[in-house]
Protein backbone atom coordinates (compact mmCIF):
# COMPACT_ATOMS: atom_id res chain seq x y z
CA MET A 1 205.46 -163.12 285.40
CA LEU A 2 207.91 -163.19 282.50
CA LEU A 3 206.86 -166.78 281.80
CA GLU A 4 203.27 -165.59 281.53
CA PHE A 5 204.41 -163.02 278.99
CA ALA A 6 206.18 -165.80 277.09
CA ASP A 7 202.94 -167.79 277.05
CA THR A 8 201.01 -164.78 275.79
CA TYR A 9 203.52 -164.16 273.01
CA ALA A 10 203.33 -167.84 272.07
CA ALA A 11 199.55 -167.61 271.79
CA GLN A 12 199.99 -164.60 269.52
CA GLY A 13 202.54 -166.44 267.39
CA ASP A 14 205.35 -164.02 268.25
CA THR A 15 208.17 -166.49 268.83
CA ALA A 16 210.86 -163.80 268.95
CA LYS A 17 209.18 -162.07 271.90
CA GLN A 18 208.36 -165.45 273.43
CA ILE A 19 211.99 -166.51 273.54
CA GLU A 20 213.07 -163.07 274.75
CA SER A 21 210.68 -163.27 277.70
CA ALA A 22 211.59 -166.87 278.47
CA ARG A 23 215.31 -166.06 278.47
CA ALA A 24 214.73 -163.06 280.74
CA SER A 25 212.78 -165.33 283.07
CA LEU A 26 215.60 -167.88 283.06
CA ALA A 27 218.12 -165.18 283.95
CA THR A 28 215.91 -164.06 286.85
CA PHE A 29 215.44 -167.60 288.17
CA ASP A 30 219.19 -168.23 287.79
CA ARG A 31 219.94 -165.23 290.03
CA LEU A 32 217.32 -166.29 292.57
CA ALA A 33 218.57 -169.88 292.61
CA GLN A 34 222.13 -168.70 293.22
CA SER A 35 220.96 -166.69 296.22
CA ASP A 36 219.01 -169.62 297.69
CA PRO A 37 220.06 -172.92 296.02
CA GLY A 38 217.87 -175.08 298.24
CA ARG A 39 214.64 -173.39 297.28
CA ARG A 40 212.82 -175.83 295.02
CA GLY A 41 210.52 -173.21 293.49
CA TYR A 42 213.46 -171.42 291.92
CA GLN A 43 214.73 -174.67 290.40
CA MET A 44 211.29 -175.43 289.00
CA GLY A 45 211.12 -171.90 287.60
CA ARG A 46 214.38 -172.52 285.81
CA ALA A 47 213.01 -175.76 284.37
CA ALA A 48 209.85 -174.00 283.21
CA ALA A 49 211.90 -171.27 281.53
CA TYR A 50 214.01 -173.84 279.69
CA SER A 51 210.82 -175.54 278.57
CA ARG A 52 209.40 -172.28 277.18
CA ILE A 53 212.69 -171.59 275.40
CA GLY A 54 212.52 -175.07 273.87
CA ASP A 55 208.93 -174.47 272.80
CA SER A 56 209.78 -171.21 271.07
CA LEU A 57 212.82 -172.68 269.34
CA THR A 58 210.71 -175.59 268.14
CA ALA A 59 208.16 -173.16 266.74
CA GLN A 60 210.99 -171.36 264.93
CA GLY A 61 212.21 -174.66 263.49
CA SER A 62 215.49 -174.58 265.42
CA LEU A 63 215.25 -178.18 266.55
CA PRO A 64 218.85 -178.84 267.68
CA GLU A 65 218.76 -175.72 269.87
CA ALA A 66 215.32 -176.70 271.16
CA LEU A 67 216.64 -180.10 272.18
CA THR A 68 219.43 -178.43 274.13
CA ALA A 69 216.88 -176.26 275.94
CA TYR A 70 214.68 -179.25 276.74
CA LYS A 71 217.72 -181.07 278.15
CA GLY A 72 218.17 -178.06 280.45
CA THR A 73 214.70 -178.80 281.80
CA LEU A 74 215.72 -182.35 282.69
CA ILE A 75 218.58 -181.16 284.86
CA PHE A 76 216.11 -179.60 287.28
CA THR A 77 213.33 -182.17 287.12
CA SER A 78 215.23 -185.47 287.14
CA HIS A 79 216.22 -185.06 290.79
CA ASP A 80 212.58 -185.20 291.88
CA ARG A 81 212.28 -188.91 291.18
């Protein structure tokens, strides 16, 4: 749900709220993934949160930080191949 908020804030152009929601979502998925590491949905949620963080940082012009966030996405998606 927090990722949906992040998407809504992005559509409104509010990158500060977008990144706040995406980071809150990441923290939630981190806690869930720690409680059940084998659950793929939690890992994909973490990847999606990192992606939203990267998107908001890109929109803010913080490209090095955005790249770091996007690399976080790869950690969770590269194992699917």
